[in-house]
Every structure is written in structure tokens, then in C-alpha cells.
Amino acid sequence: MVVSDCGGNRAPGLRNLPLHRAAQNQIWLEIVRIALARLALRSRLVTLRDYF
């Protein structure tokens, strides 16, 4: 079975952010950005640990 989109019938994009107000969504996006940056850093650290 192949899933065409990861959010059910919801299309991705700025109209489908989880909150209603722009300021709330801006905070939510910043939290997501920080989480992704932490994951990337962790991945780099694991890669470096395996390298040395």
C-alpha cells in the first residue's frame, strides 16, 4: 500500500499550520526549527563519534 501524503487528506503548506494566529504559528515553527537543529547536531555528533 502506498500513501500519497503523510497528513491524510490535508495538503501541506502554510494554510495548514496547526494554530490559528500568525504569531502562534511563528512560535510553533521556531520550536520545530530548534528541534530539527538539535536532531541534526545529534546526528553529526554520532557520526563524529563513530569516525574517531
PDB file of N, CA and C in Angstrom:
ATOM      1  N   MET A   1       0.843  -1.182   0.000  1.00  0.00           N
ATOM      2  CA  MET A   1       0.000   0.000   0.000  1.00  0.00           C
ATOM      3  C   MET A   1       0.889   1.247   0.000  1.00  0.00           C
ATOM      4  N   VAL A   2       0.589   2.191  -0.840  1.00  0.00           N
ATOM      5  CA  VAL A   2       1.353   3.427  -0.949  1.00  0.00           C
ATOM      6  C   VAL A   2       0.492   4.578  -0.449  1.00  0.00           C
ATOM      7  N   VAL A   3       1.067   5.377   0.441  1.00  0.00           N
ATOM      8  CA  VAL A   3       0.362   6.543   0.966  1.00  0.00           C
ATOM      9  C   VAL A   3       0.839   7.752   0.188  1.00  0.00           C
ATOM     10  N   SER A   4      -0.097   8.498  -0.398  1.00  0.00           N
ATOM     11  CA  SER A   4       0.292   9.622  -1.243  1.00  0.00           C
ATOM     12  C   SER A   4       0.676  10.858  -0.448  1.00  0.00           C
ATOM     13  N   ASP A   5       0.139  11.016   0.745  1.00  0.00           N
ATOM     14  CA  ASP A   5       0.522  12.162   1.568  1.00  0.00           C
ATOM     15  C   ASP A   5       0.541  11.729   3.026  1.00  0.00           C
ATOM     16  N   CYS A   6       1.346  12.408   3.814  1.00  0.00           N
ATOM     17  CA  CYS A   6       1.546  11.987   5.198  1.00  0.00           C
ATOM     18  C   CYS A   6       0.513  12.564   6.154  1.00  0.00           C
ATOM     19  N   GLY A   7      -0.349  13.443   5.707  1.00  0.00           N
ATOM     20  CA  GLY A   7      -1.312  14.068   6.601  1.00  0.00           C
ATOM     21  C   GLY A   7      -2.749  13.726   6.294  1.00  0.00           C
ATOM     22  N   GLY A   8      -2.999  12.536   5.808  1.00  0.00           N
ATOM     23  CA  GLY A   8      -4.367  12.194   5.450  1.00  0.00           C
ATOM     24  C   GLY A   8      -4.758  12.937   4.192  1.00  0.00           C
ATOM     25  N   ASN A   9      -5.866  13.644   4.263  1.00  0.00           N
ATOM     26  CA  ASN A   9      -6.336  14.412   3.102  1.00  0.00           C
ATOM     27  C   ASN A   9      -5.871  15.860   3.134  1.00  0.00           C
ATOM     28  N   ARG A  10      -5.083  16.218   4.117  1.00  0.00           N
ATOM     29  CA  ARG A  10      -4.615  17.600   4.242  1.00  0.00           C
ATOM     30  C   ARG A  10      -3.408  17.825   3.355  1.00  0.00           C
ATOM     31  N   ALA A  11      -3.458  18.878   2.589  1.00  0.00           N
ATOM     32  CA  ALA A  11      -2.327  19.252   1.747  1.00  0.00           C
ATOM     33  C   ALA A  11      -1.314  20.019   2.592  1.00  0.00           C
ATOM     34  N   PRO A  12      -0.014  19.820   2.336  1.00  0.00           N
ATOM     35  CA  PRO A  12       0.986  20.579   3.079  1.00  0.00           C
ATOM     36  C   PRO A  12       1.008  22.034   2.637  1.00  0.00           C
ATOM     37  N   GLY A  13       1.506  22.884   3.477  1.00  0.00           N
ATOM     38  CA  GLY A  13       1.633  24.289   3.110  1.00  0.00           C
ATOM     39  C   GLY A  13       1.304  25.209   4.269  1.00  0.00           C
ATOM     40  N   LEU A  14       1.461  26.481   4.040  1.00  0.00           N
ATOM     41  CA  LEU A  14       1.268  27.467   5.103  1.00  0.00           C
ATOM     42  C   LEU A  14      -0.178  27.564   5.573  1.00  0.00           C
ATOM     43  N   ARG A  15      -1.129  27.166   4.774  1.00  0.00           N
ATOM     44  CA  ARG A  15      -2.534  27.246   5.187  1.00  0.00           C
ATOM     45  C   ARG A  15      -2.899  26.176   6.203  1.00  0.00           C
ATOM     46  N   ASN A  16      -2.068  25.164   6.348  1.00  0.00           N
ATOM     47  CA  ASN A  16      -2.402  24.056   7.234  1.00  0.00           C
ATOM     48  C   ASN A  16      -1.519  23.991   8.474  1.00  0.00           C
ATOM     49  N   LEU A  17      -1.048  25.133   8.930  1.00  0.00           N
ATOM     50  CA  LEU A  17      -0.290  25.160  10.179  1.00  0.00           C
ATOM     51  C   LEU A  17      -1.242  24.859  11.337  1.00  0.00           C
ATOM     52  N   PRO A  18      -0.743  24.350  12.451  1.00  0.00           N
ATOM     53  CA  PRO A  18      -1.629  23.834  13.494  1.00  0.00           C
ATOM     54  C   PRO A  18      -2.412  24.880  14.293  1.00  0.00           C
ATOM     55  N   LEU A  19      -1.978  26.113  14.295  1.00  0.00           N
ATOM     56  CA  LEU A  19      -2.649  27.135  15.102  1.00  0.00           C
ATOM     57  C   LEU A  19      -3.321  28.165  14.209  1.00  0.00           C
ATOM     58  N   HIS A  20      -4.164  29.004  14.797  1.00  0.00           N
ATOM     59  CA  HIS A  20      -4.967  29.935  14.006  1.00  0.00           C
ATOM     60  C   HIS A  20      -4.321  31.297  13.788  1.00  0.00           C
ATOM     61  N   ARG A  21      -3.552  31.751  14.735  1.00  0.00           N
ATOM     62  CA  ARG A  21      -2.965  33.089  14.621  1.00  0.00           C
ATOM     63  C   ARG A  21      -1.528  33.016  14.126  1.00  0.00           C
ATOM     64  N   ALA A  22      -1.124  34.030  13.378  1.00  0.00           N
ATOM     65  CA  ALA A  22       0.217  34.064  12.788  1.00  0.00           C
ATOM     66  C   ALA A  22       1.310  34.041  13.855  1.00  0.00           C
ATOM     67  N   ALA A  23       1.133  34.780  14.934  1.00  0.00           N
ATOM     68  CA  ALA A  23       2.148  34.827  15.991  1.00  0.00           C
ATOM     69  C   ALA A  23       2.304  33.456  16.649  1.00  0.00           C
ATOM     70  N   GLN A  24       1.202  32.748  16.859  1.00  0.00           N
ATOM     71  CA  GLN A  24       1.265  31.414  17.447  1.00  0.00           C
ATOM     72  C   GLN A  24       1.994  30.458  16.508  1.00  0.00           C
ATOM     73  N   ASN A  25       1.680  30.526  15.231  1.00  0.00           N
ATOM     74  CA  ASN A  25       2.339  29.667  14.256  1.00  0.00           C
ATOM     75  C   ASN A  25       3.821  29.992  14.142  1.00  0.00           C
ATOM     76  N   GLN A  26       4.173  31.248  14.289  1.00  0.00           N
ATOM     77  CA  GLN A  26       5.578  31.638  14.229  1.00  0.00           C
ATOM     78  C   GLN A  26       6.344  31.003  15.387  1.00  0.00           C
ATOM     79  N   ILE A  27       5.746  30.984  16.574  1.00  0.00           N
ATOM     80  CA  ILE A  27       6.378  30.347  17.725  1.00  0.00           C
ATOM     81  C   ILE A  27       6.485  28.849  17.490  1.00  0.00           C
ATOM     82  N   TRP A  28       5.418  28.239  16.978  1.00  0.00           N
ATOM     83  CA  TRP A  28       5.417  26.802  16.695  1.00  0.00           C
ATOM     84  C   TRP A  28       6.512  26.450  15.688  1.00  0.00           C
ATOM     85  N   LEU A  29       6.640  27.244  14.632  1.00  0.00           N
ATOM     86  CA  LEU A  29       7.671  26.985  13.628  1.00  0.00           C
ATOM     87  C   LEU A  29       9.075  27.138  14.210  1.00  0.00           C
ATOM     88  N   GLU A  30       9.259  28.087  15.114  1.00  0.00           N
ATOM     89  CA  GLU A  30      10.567  28.261  15.755  1.00  0.00           C
ATOM     90  C   GLU A  30      10.905  27.044  16.621  1.00  0.00           C
ATOM     91  N   ILE A  31       9.920  26.521  17.342  1.00  0.00           N
ATOM     92  CA  ILE A  31      10.133  25.312  18.143  1.00  0.00           C
ATOM     93  C   ILE A  31      10.516  24.139  17.244  1.00  0.00           C
ATOM     94  N   VAL A  32       9.832  23.993  16.119  1.00  0.00           N
ATOM     95  CA  VAL A  32      10.153  22.922  15.172  1.00  0.00           C
ATOM     96  C   VAL A  32      11.562  23.110  14.614  1.00  0.00           C
ATOM     97  N   ARG A  33      11.925  24.353  14.285  1.00  0.00           N
ATOM     98  CA  ARG A  33      13.266  24.632  13.757  1.00  0.00           C
ATOM     99  C   ARG A  33      14.342  24.250  14.767  1.00  0.00           C
ATOM    100  N   ILE A  34      14.127  24.594  16.042  1.00  0.00           N
ATOM    101  CA  ILE A  34      15.093  24.257  17.081  1.00  0.00           C
ATOM    102  C   ILE A  34      15.202  22.738  17.236  1.00  0.00           C
ATOM    103  N   ALA A  35      14.062  22.054  17.198  1.00  0.00           N
ATOM    104  CA  ALA A  35      14.081  20.596  17.324  1.00  0.00           C
ATOM    105  C   ALA A  35      14.847  19.958  16.170  1.00  0.00           C
ATOM    106  N   LEU A  36      14.634  20.453  14.961  1.00  0.00           N
ATOM    107  CA  LEU A  36      15.353  19.908  13.808  1.00  0.00           C
ATOM    108  C   LEU A  36      16.851  20.201  13.889  1.00  0.00           C
ATOM    109  N   ALA A  37      17.201  21.370  14.369  1.00  0.00           N
ATOM    110  CA  ALA A  37      18.617  21.711  14.530  1.00  0.00           C
ATOM    111  C   ALA A  37      19.262  20.793  15.565  1.00  0.00           C
ATOM    112  N   ARG A  38      18.552  20.476  16.643  1.00  0.00           N
ATOM    113  CA  ARG A  38      19.090  19.566  17.662  1.00  0.00           C
ATOM    114  C   ARG A  38      19.275  18.167  17.107  1.00  0.00           C
ATOM    115  N   LEU A  39      18.302  17.714  16.299  1.00  0.00           N
ATOM    116  CA  LEU A  39      18.430  16.392  15.676  1.00  0.00           C
ATOM    117  C   LEU A  39      19.626  16.346  14.728  1.00  0.00           C
ATOM    118  N   ALA A  40      19.820  17.402  13.956  1.00  0.00           N
ATOM    119  CA  ALA A  40      20.945  17.451  13.030  1.00  0.00           C
ATOM    120  C   ALA A  40      22.264  17.441  13.801  1.00  0.00           C
ATOM    121  N   LEU A  41      22.342  18.200  14.876  1.00  0.00           N
ATOM    122  CA  LEU A  41      23.556  18.227  15.699  1.00  0.00           C
ATOM    123  C   LEU A  41      23.822  16.855  16.306  1.00  0.00           C
ATOM    124  N   ARG A  42      22.783  16.222  16.803  1.00  0.00           N
ATOM    125  CA  ARG A  42      22.943  14.884  17.385  1.00  0.00           C
ATOM    126  C   ARG A  42      23.447  13.904  16.339  1.00  0.00           C
ATOM    127  N   SER A  43      22.906  13.998  15.149  1.00  0.00           N
ATOM    128  CA  SER A  43      23.338  13.118  14.061  1.00  0.00           C
ATOM    129  C   SER A  43      24.810  13.348  13.742  1.00  0.00           C
ATOM    130  N   ARG A  44      25.224  14.600  13.698  1.00  0.00           N
ATOM    131  CA  ARG A  44      26.632  14.917  13.441  1.00  0.00           C
ATOM    132  C   ARG A  44      27.535  14.396  14.545  1.00  0.00           C
ATOM    133  N   LEU A  45      27.090  14.535  15.792  1.00  0.00           N
ATOM    134  CA  LEU A  45      27.899  14.058  16.914  1.00  0.00           C
ATOM    135  C   LEU A  45      28.038  12.541  16.888  1.00  0.00           C
ATOM    136  N   VAL A  46      26.962  11.839  16.559  1.00  0.00           N
ATOM    137  CA  VAL A  46      27.026  10.383  16.462  1.00  0.00           C
ATOM    138  C   VAL A  46      27.962   9.980  15.335  1.00  0.00           C
ATOM    139  N   THR A  47      27.885  10.682  14.213  1.00  0.00           N
ATOM    140  CA  THR A  47      28.759  10.390  13.080  1.00  0.00           C
ATOM    141  C   THR A  47      30.215  10.628  13.456  1.00  0.00           C
ATOM    142  N   LEU A  48      30.499  11.722  14.146  1.00  0.00           N
ATOM    143  CA  LEU A  48      31.872  12.017  14.574  1.00  0.00           C
ATOM    144  C   LEU A  48      32.362  10.987  15.581  1.00  0.00           C
ATOM    145  N   ARG A  49      31.487  10.575  16.478  1.00  0.00           N
ATOM    146  CA  ARG A  49      31.873   9.569  17.469  1.00  0.00           C
ATOM    147  C   ARG A  49      32.260   8.264  16.786  1.00  0.00           C
ATOM    148  N   ASP A  50      31.530   7.880  15.750  1.00  0.00           N
ATOM    149  CA  ASP A  50      31.838   6.666  15.026  1.00  0.00           C
ATOM    150  C   ASP A  50      33.109   6.799  14.178  1.00  0.00           C
ATOM    151  N   TYR A  51      33.434   8.046  13.806  1.00  0.00           N
ATOM    152  CA  TYR A  51      34.587   8.296  12.960  1.00  0.00           C
ATOM    153  C   TYR A  51      35.901   8.182  13.737  1.00  0.00           C
ATOM    154  N   PHE A  52      35.901   8.701  14.973  1.00  0.00           N
ATOM    155  CA  PHE A  52      37.137   8.722  15.760  1.00  0.00           C
ATOM    156  C   PHE A  52      37.293   7.486  16.588  1.00  0.00           C
TER     157      PHE A  52
END
